[in-house]
Structures are given as structure tokens and as C-alpha cells.
Amino acid sequence: MLVKQISIFVENKPGRLCSVTKLLKENDIDIRALSIADTKDFGILRIIVNKPELASNVLKNAGCTISVTNVIAIGIDDKPGGLAEAMECLYAANISVEYMYAFISKSENEAYVIMRVENNDKAIEALKEHNYTILSDKDIYEM
């Protein structure tokens, strides 16, 4: 039920994102979701890809500083308040969300969200109790 997210330290210099994404392209690695947070000097590029082990190896071998984290991918109703309802579910279970980002859904009625929480097992349990769709790594990698 957990999905591998790769976080890549990227200097804020022209061409750095280009070189990272080119490495992925050259190795037939498809990005499923991404988020970037930056400061003046550097950024953290977080990606979900179809081949996380290969991507990790390729990026490390190219000298990139990376980390791999288990995150949760969920489906929420694609309507006003859909995300609020999921957050209320986690709040009621006393689970903090460290960060999250959305990505493309293949369904017209469902939006997909990647989230990093303080306790994956507890979050999955709470979300399942409220009938949220928990996407597996295979669901994401094979999109």
C-alpha cells in the first residue's frame, strides 16, 4: 500500500532540472507525479516514477543526492471539500500530514493525492475505515 517517492536535492542553477529529467528519459523512466520545493540556493524535487529502483540507481550513479521515502497515495472525491474530508479523517485519528501534492487521475470523479504522514500504518487504517481508496505502488507505477 506504500509508494516509493524519490527526493532529489537540486541546486538552483540553470539546467539542473533538465539534467535530472534527461537522465530519467534516457533510462525510459516515466514520472507519475512530482513536486518541487525550493529556496534561493536549492530545491527538493520529489518524484513518483514507474521504475523507482532503476531511477534511484541511475540518479545515484550520476552523482545526485537522493533519498527514498514511503508515501501514501489516495483517491478522494473530485468535488469541493473532497480533500477537506480526507484531512478531517486524519485529524480525527490524530495524524499529522507533513506534506502532500496532487497528481493526474485517470478517473473523472476522483482526484489522487500523495501524502507523507507521521505514521503510514495508522493513516492507512483511518483512511480505509472511511472508505478512501488507497492506491498500491503497482496502481501508480502502471498508470
N, C-alpha and C. Protein backbone atom coordinates (compact mmCIF):
# COMPACT_ATOMS: atom_id res chain seq x y z
N MET A 1 0.81 -1.20 0.00
CA MET A 1 0.00 0.00 0.00
C MET A 1 0.85 1.27 0.00
N LEU A 2 2.15 1.12 0.18
CA LEU A 2 3.02 2.29 0.19
C LEU A 2 3.68 2.45 -1.17
N VAL A 3 3.97 3.70 -1.51
CA VAL A 3 4.57 4.04 -2.79
C VAL A 3 5.94 4.65 -2.51
N LYS A 4 6.92 4.30 -3.33
CA LYS A 4 8.27 4.84 -3.19
C LYS A 4 8.34 6.22 -3.83
N GLN A 5 8.74 7.19 -3.05
CA GLN A 5 8.96 8.54 -3.55
C GLN A 5 10.46 8.82 -3.52
N ILE A 6 10.98 9.38 -4.57
CA ILE A 6 12.40 9.74 -4.62
C ILE A 6 12.50 11.25 -4.46
N SER A 7 13.28 11.68 -3.48
CA SER A 7 13.55 13.10 -3.29
C SER A 7 14.97 13.37 -3.76
N ILE A 8 15.10 14.38 -4.61
CA ILE A 8 16.39 14.70 -5.22
C ILE A 8 16.78 16.13 -4.83
N PHE A 9 17.95 16.27 -4.27
CA PHE A 9 18.49 17.59 -3.97
C PHE A 9 18.94 18.21 -5.28
N VAL A 10 18.41 19.38 -5.60
CA VAL A 10 18.72 20.03 -6.87
C VAL A 10 19.18 21.46 -6.60
N GLU A 11 20.37 21.80 -7.05
CA GLU A 11 20.85 23.17 -6.92
C GLU A 11 20.02 24.09 -7.81
N ASN A 12 19.80 25.31 -7.36
CA ASN A 12 19.08 26.29 -8.18
C ASN A 12 20.06 26.90 -9.18
N LYS A 13 20.32 26.13 -10.22
CA LYS A 13 21.21 26.57 -11.30
C LYS A 13 20.54 26.20 -12.62
N PRO A 14 20.73 27.02 -13.62
CA PRO A 14 20.16 26.69 -14.93
C PRO A 14 20.61 25.30 -15.40
N GLY A 15 19.66 24.53 -15.86
CA GLY A 15 19.97 23.22 -16.43
C GLY A 15 19.91 22.05 -15.47
N ARG A 16 19.79 22.29 -14.16
CA ARG A 16 19.79 21.16 -13.21
C ARG A 16 18.54 20.29 -13.37
N LEU A 17 17.37 20.91 -13.47
CA LEU A 17 16.16 20.10 -13.69
C LEU A 17 16.21 19.41 -15.05
N CYS A 18 16.77 20.10 -16.01
CA CYS A 18 16.91 19.50 -17.34
C CYS A 18 17.77 18.24 -17.27
N SER A 19 18.89 18.30 -16.56
CA SER A 19 19.78 17.13 -16.50
C SER A 19 19.13 15.96 -15.76
N VAL A 20 18.40 16.26 -14.69
CA VAL A 20 17.74 15.19 -13.94
C VAL A 20 16.66 14.53 -14.80
N THR A 21 15.82 15.34 -15.41
CA THR A 21 14.74 14.76 -16.22
C THR A 21 15.28 14.07 -17.47
N LYS A 22 16.39 14.53 -17.98
CA LYS A 22 17.02 13.87 -19.14
C LYS A 22 17.54 12.49 -18.74
N LEU A 23 18.13 12.38 -17.56
CA LEU A 23 18.58 11.07 -17.07
C LEU A 23 17.42 10.07 -17.01
N LEU A 24 16.30 10.54 -16.51
CA LEU A 24 15.12 9.68 -16.43
C LEU A 24 14.66 9.28 -17.84
N LYS A 25 14.60 10.24 -18.73
CA LYS A 25 14.18 9.97 -20.11
C LYS A 25 15.09 8.93 -20.76
N GLU A 26 16.39 9.12 -20.63
CA GLU A 26 17.36 8.21 -21.26
C GLU A 26 17.26 6.78 -20.74
N ASN A 27 16.67 6.61 -19.57
CA ASN A 27 16.53 5.28 -18.98
C ASN A 27 15.09 4.79 -18.99
N ASP A 28 14.25 5.41 -19.81
CA ASP A 28 12.86 5.01 -20.00
C ASP A 28 12.09 4.98 -18.69
N ILE A 29 12.33 6.00 -17.87
CA ILE A 29 11.66 6.12 -16.58
C ILE A 29 10.62 7.23 -16.72
N ASP A 30 9.37 6.88 -16.42
CA ASP A 30 8.26 7.81 -16.58
C ASP A 30 7.86 8.40 -15.24
N ILE A 31 7.75 9.72 -15.18
CA ILE A 31 7.33 10.41 -13.96
C ILE A 31 5.81 10.33 -13.87
N ARG A 32 5.32 9.85 -12.74
CA ARG A 32 3.88 9.74 -12.49
C ARG A 32 3.35 10.95 -11.72
N ALA A 33 4.16 11.48 -10.81
CA ALA A 33 3.78 12.64 -10.01
C ALA A 33 5.06 13.35 -9.61
N LEU A 34 4.95 14.67 -9.37
CA LEU A 34 6.12 15.41 -8.92
C LEU A 34 5.72 16.64 -8.13
N SER A 35 6.66 17.07 -7.33
CA SER A 35 6.52 18.29 -6.56
C SER A 35 7.92 18.86 -6.39
N ILE A 36 8.01 20.17 -6.39
CA ILE A 36 9.31 20.78 -6.11
C ILE A 36 9.11 21.91 -5.11
N ALA A 37 9.97 21.91 -4.12
CA ALA A 37 10.00 22.98 -3.13
C ALA A 37 11.40 23.57 -3.20
N ASP A 38 11.47 24.90 -3.19
CA ASP A 38 12.79 25.48 -3.35
C ASP A 38 13.05 26.63 -2.39
N THR A 39 14.33 26.92 -2.29
CA THR A 39 14.82 28.09 -1.60
C THR A 39 15.66 28.85 -2.63
N LYS A 40 16.34 29.86 -2.19
CA LYS A 40 17.17 30.64 -3.12
C LYS A 40 18.27 29.79 -3.76
N ASP A 41 18.85 28.87 -2.99
CA ASP A 41 20.03 28.14 -3.45
C ASP A 41 19.78 26.72 -3.92
N PHE A 42 18.71 26.09 -3.44
CA PHE A 42 18.49 24.70 -3.81
C PHE A 42 17.00 24.37 -3.75
N GLY A 43 16.69 23.21 -4.30
CA GLY A 43 15.32 22.72 -4.25
C GLY A 43 15.31 21.23 -3.95
N ILE A 44 14.16 20.75 -3.56
CA ILE A 44 13.96 19.32 -3.39
C ILE A 44 12.89 18.91 -4.40
N LEU A 45 13.29 18.11 -5.34
CA LEU A 45 12.38 17.58 -6.34
C LEU A 45 11.91 16.22 -5.84
N ARG A 46 10.61 16.10 -5.61
CA ARG A 46 10.03 14.83 -5.17
C ARG A 46 9.29 14.23 -6.35
N ILE A 47 9.62 12.97 -6.65
CA ILE A 47 9.00 12.32 -7.80
C ILE A 47 8.51 10.92 -7.46
N ILE A 48 7.44 10.54 -8.12
CA ILE A 48 6.96 9.16 -8.13
C ILE A 48 7.15 8.72 -9.56
N VAL A 49 7.84 7.62 -9.75
CA VAL A 49 8.13 7.13 -11.10
C VAL A 49 7.69 5.68 -11.26
N ASN A 50 7.63 5.23 -12.50
CA ASN A 50 7.20 3.86 -12.77
C ASN A 50 8.26 2.81 -12.43
N LYS A 51 9.51 3.20 -12.32
CA LYS A 51 10.61 2.28 -12.02
C LYS A 51 11.49 2.89 -10.93
N PRO A 52 11.02 2.87 -9.67
CA PRO A 52 11.76 3.58 -8.62
C PRO A 52 13.16 3.03 -8.33
N GLU A 53 13.35 1.73 -8.39
CA GLU A 53 14.68 1.17 -8.11
C GLU A 53 15.68 1.60 -9.17
N LEU A 54 15.26 1.50 -10.44
CA LEU A 54 16.15 1.92 -11.54
C LEU A 54 16.44 3.41 -11.43
N ALA A 55 15.41 4.21 -11.17
CA ALA A 55 15.61 5.65 -11.06
C ALA A 55 16.58 5.98 -9.94
N SER A 56 16.44 5.33 -8.80
CA SER A 56 17.36 5.57 -7.69
C SER A 56 18.80 5.27 -8.08
N ASN A 57 19.00 4.14 -8.73
CA ASN A 57 20.35 3.75 -9.15
C ASN A 57 20.92 4.71 -10.18
N VAL A 58 20.12 5.07 -11.17
CA VAL A 58 20.57 5.98 -12.22
C VAL A 58 20.96 7.34 -11.62
N LEU A 59 20.12 7.85 -10.75
CA LEU A 59 20.39 9.16 -10.16
C LEU A 59 21.62 9.13 -9.25
N LYS A 60 21.75 8.08 -8.43
CA LYS A 60 22.93 7.95 -7.57
C LYS A 60 24.20 7.86 -8.41
N ASN A 61 24.16 7.02 -9.46
CA ASN A 61 25.33 6.84 -10.32
C ASN A 61 25.71 8.13 -11.04
N ALA A 62 24.77 9.03 -11.22
CA ALA A 62 25.04 10.31 -11.86
C ALA A 62 25.50 11.35 -10.84
N GLY A 63 25.62 10.95 -9.57
CA GLY A 63 26.12 11.85 -8.55
C GLY A 63 25.06 12.69 -7.86
N CYS A 64 23.80 12.37 -8.08
CA CYS A 64 22.72 13.10 -7.42
C CYS A 64 22.59 12.65 -5.97
N THR A 65 22.24 13.58 -5.11
CA THR A 65 21.93 13.27 -3.72
C THR A 65 20.44 13.01 -3.64
N ILE A 66 20.08 11.77 -3.25
CA ILE A 66 18.67 11.39 -3.22
C ILE A 66 18.32 10.70 -1.90
N SER A 67 17.04 10.63 -1.64
CA SER A 67 16.54 9.77 -0.57
C SER A 67 15.24 9.16 -1.07
N VAL A 68 14.94 7.98 -0.57
CA VAL A 68 13.72 7.27 -0.95
C VAL A 68 12.85 7.18 0.29
N THR A 69 11.58 7.56 0.13
CA THR A 69 10.64 7.61 1.25
C THR A 69 9.37 6.88 0.86
N ASN A 70 8.78 6.19 1.81
CA ASN A 70 7.46 5.58 1.58
C ASN A 70 6.39 6.62 1.84
N VAL A 71 5.50 6.79 0.87
CA VAL A 71 4.39 7.72 0.99
C VAL A 71 3.09 6.98 0.68
N ILE A 72 1.98 7.65 0.97
CA ILE A 72 0.66 7.08 0.71
C ILE A 72 0.04 7.81 -0.47
N ALA A 73 -0.59 7.05 -1.35
CA ALA A 73 -1.35 7.63 -2.46
C ALA A 73 -2.81 7.27 -2.25
N ILE A 74 -3.67 8.28 -2.27
CA ILE A 74 -5.09 8.03 -2.04
C ILE A 74 -5.92 8.67 -3.15
N GLY A 75 -7.11 8.13 -3.31
CA GLY A 75 -8.10 8.73 -4.18
C GLY A 75 -9.13 9.43 -3.31
N ILE A 76 -9.48 10.64 -3.70
CA ILE A 76 -10.52 11.39 -2.99
C ILE A 76 -11.58 11.83 -3.99
N ASP A 77 -12.76 12.10 -3.50
CA ASP A 77 -13.81 12.60 -4.38
C ASP A 77 -13.37 13.91 -4.99
N ASP A 78 -13.49 14.02 -6.31
CA ASP A 78 -13.12 15.24 -7.02
C ASP A 78 -14.30 16.19 -6.99
N LYS A 79 -14.44 16.85 -5.86
CA LYS A 79 -15.54 17.79 -5.63
C LYS A 79 -15.09 18.80 -4.59
N PRO A 80 -15.74 19.93 -4.51
CA PRO A 80 -15.40 20.87 -3.44
C PRO A 80 -15.53 20.19 -2.07
N GLY A 81 -14.48 20.28 -1.28
CA GLY A 81 -14.49 19.66 0.05
C GLY A 81 -13.94 18.25 0.09
N GLY A 82 -13.63 17.65 -1.06
CA GLY A 82 -13.11 16.27 -1.08
C GLY A 82 -11.83 16.13 -0.26
N LEU A 83 -10.91 17.04 -0.43
CA LEU A 83 -9.67 17.00 0.33
C LEU A 83 -9.91 17.31 1.80
N ALA A 84 -10.79 18.26 2.06
CA ALA A 84 -11.10 18.62 3.46
C ALA A 84 -11.62 17.42 4.22
N GLU A 85 -12.45 16.60 3.58
CA GLU A 85 -12.99 15.42 4.25
C GLU A 85 -11.89 14.42 4.59
N ALA A 86 -10.95 14.24 3.69
CA ALA A 86 -9.83 13.33 3.97
C ALA A 86 -8.97 13.87 5.10
N MET A 87 -8.74 15.18 5.11
CA MET A 87 -7.94 15.79 6.17
C MET A 87 -8.66 15.69 7.52
N GLU A 88 -9.99 15.83 7.52
CA GLU A 88 -10.75 15.66 8.75
C GLU A 88 -10.61 14.25 9.29
N CYS A 89 -10.59 13.27 8.40
CA CYS A 89 -10.43 11.88 8.80
C CYS A 89 -9.08 11.69 9.50
N LEU A 90 -8.02 12.23 8.92
CA LEU A 90 -6.69 12.10 9.52
C LEU A 90 -6.59 12.89 10.83
N TYR A 91 -7.17 14.06 10.85
CA TYR A 91 -7.15 14.88 12.06
C TYR A 91 -7.85 14.16 13.21
N ALA A 92 -8.99 13.54 12.90
CA ALA A 92 -9.74 12.81 13.93
C ALA A 92 -8.92 11.65 14.49
N ALA A 93 -8.04 11.10 13.68
CA ALA A 93 -7.17 10.00 14.12
C ALA A 93 -5.85 10.51 14.68
N ASN A 94 -5.73 11.83 14.84
CA ASN A 94 -4.54 12.47 15.39
C ASN A 94 -3.29 12.18 14.55
N ILE A 95 -3.44 12.29 13.24
CA ILE A 95 -2.33 12.05 12.32
C ILE A 95 -1.97 13.36 11.64
N SER A 96 -0.69 13.73 11.72
CA SER A 96 -0.21 14.94 11.07
C SER A 96 0.27 14.63 9.66
N VAL A 97 -0.05 15.53 8.75
CA VAL A 97 0.42 15.43 7.37
C VAL A 97 1.63 16.35 7.25
N GLU A 98 2.77 15.78 6.85
CA GLU A 98 3.99 16.58 6.70
C GLU A 98 3.95 17.39 5.41
N TYR A 99 3.52 16.76 4.33
CA TYR A 99 3.33 17.45 3.06
C TYR A 99 2.48 16.57 2.16
N MET A 100 1.97 17.19 1.09
CA MET A 100 1.18 16.44 0.12
C MET A 100 1.21 17.17 -1.21
N TYR A 101 0.88 16.44 -2.25
CA TYR A 101 0.73 17.04 -3.58
C TYR A 101 -0.20 16.16 -4.39
N ALA A 102 -0.85 16.77 -5.34
CA ALA A 102 -1.82 16.06 -6.18
C ALA A 102 -1.15 15.61 -7.48
N PHE A 103 -1.79 14.65 -8.14
CA PHE A 103 -1.33 14.24 -9.46
C PHE A 103 -2.52 13.79 -10.29
N ILE A 104 -2.27 13.56 -11.56
CA ILE A 104 -3.33 13.28 -12.53
C ILE A 104 -4.03 11.97 -12.21
N SER A 105 -5.33 12.03 -12.25
CA SER A 105 -6.18 10.85 -12.05
C SER A 105 -6.71 10.41 -13.40
N LYS A 106 -6.89 9.12 -13.56
CA LYS A 106 -7.50 8.60 -14.79
C LYS A 106 -9.02 8.57 -14.68
N SER A 107 -9.53 8.93 -13.53
CA SER A 107 -10.97 8.93 -13.28
C SER A 107 -11.49 10.36 -13.28
N GLU A 108 -12.68 10.55 -13.81
CA GLU A 108 -13.27 11.88 -13.82
C GLU A 108 -13.83 12.28 -12.46
N ASN A 109 -14.11 11.31 -11.61
CA ASN A 109 -14.76 11.60 -10.33
C ASN A 109 -13.82 11.51 -9.13
N GLU A 110 -12.56 11.22 -9.39
CA GLU A 110 -11.62 11.01 -8.29
C GLU A 110 -10.33 11.78 -8.56
N ALA A 111 -9.82 12.42 -7.53
CA ALA A 111 -8.52 13.08 -7.61
C ALA A 111 -7.54 12.24 -6.79
N TYR A 112 -6.28 12.25 -7.19
CA TYR A 112 -5.27 11.49 -6.48
C TYR A 112 -4.34 12.43 -5.73
N VAL A 113 -3.95 12.01 -4.53
CA VAL A 113 -3.08 12.81 -3.68
C VAL A 113 -1.99 11.91 -3.11
N ILE A 114 -0.76 12.41 -3.15
CA ILE A 114 0.37 11.77 -2.48
C ILE A 114 0.53 12.48 -1.14
N MET A 115 0.71 11.73 -0.07
CA MET A 115 0.93 12.38 1.21
C MET A 115 1.99 11.66 2.04
N ARG A 116 2.74 12.47 2.71
CA ARG A 116 3.72 11.98 3.69
C ARG A 116 3.13 12.30 5.06
N VAL A 117 2.99 11.28 5.87
CA VAL A 117 2.41 11.44 7.21
C VAL A 117 3.38 10.90 8.25
N GLU A 118 3.08 11.19 9.50
CA GLU A 118 3.97 10.75 10.57
C GLU A 118 3.88 9.24 10.84
N ASN A 119 2.75 8.62 10.51
CA ASN A 119 2.56 7.20 10.76
C ASN A 119 1.74 6.60 9.62
N ASN A 120 2.42 5.96 8.66
CA ASN A 120 1.74 5.42 7.48
C ASN A 120 0.67 4.40 7.83
N ASP A 121 1.00 3.45 8.71
CA ASP A 121 0.05 2.38 9.04
C ASP A 121 -1.22 2.93 9.67
N LYS A 122 -1.05 3.84 10.60
CA LYS A 122 -2.20 4.44 11.29
C LYS A 122 -3.04 5.26 10.30
N ALA A 123 -2.38 5.98 9.40
CA ALA A 123 -3.10 6.79 8.40
C ALA A 123 -3.88 5.89 7.44
N ILE A 124 -3.26 4.83 6.98
CA ILE A 124 -3.94 3.90 6.06
C ILE A 124 -5.16 3.29 6.74
N GLU A 125 -4.99 2.89 7.98
CA GLU A 125 -6.11 2.31 8.73
C GLU A 125 -7.27 3.31 8.85
N ALA A 126 -6.96 4.55 9.21
CA ALA A 126 -8.00 5.57 9.36
C ALA A 126 -8.68 5.86 8.03
N LEU A 127 -7.91 5.96 6.97
CA LEU A 127 -8.48 6.25 5.65
C LEU A 127 -9.34 5.09 5.14
N LYS A 128 -8.90 3.86 5.38
CA LYS A 128 -9.70 2.70 4.97
C LYS A 128 -11.02 2.65 5.73
N GLU A 129 -10.98 2.99 7.02
CA GLU A 129 -12.20 2.99 7.82
C GLU A 129 -13.24 3.95 7.26
N HIS A 130 -12.77 4.97 6.55
CA HIS A 130 -13.67 5.96 5.96
C HIS A 130 -13.83 5.74 4.44
N ASN A 131 -13.47 4.54 4.00
CA ASN A 131 -13.68 4.11 2.61
C ASN A 131 -12.92 4.89 1.56
N TYR A 132 -11.74 5.41 1.92
CA TYR A 132 -10.90 6.06 0.92
C TYR A 132 -10.15 5.00 0.13
N THR A 133 -9.94 5.27 -1.14
CA THR A 133 -9.17 4.37 -2.00
C THR A 133 -7.69 4.59 -1.69
N ILE A 134 -7.01 3.52 -1.29
CA ILE A 134 -5.57 3.57 -1.07
C ILE A 134 -4.95 2.91 -2.30
N LEU A 135 -4.17 3.67 -3.04
CA LEU A 135 -3.56 3.15 -4.25
C LEU A 135 -2.29 2.37 -3.90
N SER A 136 -2.09 1.27 -4.55
CA SER A 136 -0.87 0.48 -4.32
C SER A 136 0.25 1.03 -5.19
N ASP A 137 1.46 0.62 -4.89
CA ASP A 137 2.58 1.03 -5.73
C ASP A 137 2.36 0.56 -7.17
N LYS A 138 1.82 -0.63 -7.32
CA LYS A 138 1.56 -1.17 -8.67
C LYS A 138 0.54 -0.29 -9.41
N ASP A 139 -0.51 0.16 -8.70
CA ASP A 139 -1.50 1.04 -9.31
C ASP A 139 -0.82 2.27 -9.91
N ILE A 140 0.10 2.85 -9.16
CA ILE A 140 0.78 4.08 -9.59
C ILE A 140 1.79 3.79 -10.69
N TYR A 141 2.63 2.79 -10.49
CA TYR A 141 3.71 2.52 -11.44
C TYR A 141 3.18 2.10 -12.81
N GLU A 142 1.99 1.49 -12.84
CA GLU A 142 1.46 1.00 -14.11
C GLU A 142 0.45 1.95 -14.77
N MET A 143 0.30 3.14 -14.23
CA MET A 143 -0.63 4.10 -14.84
C MET A 143 -0.18 4.48 -16.23
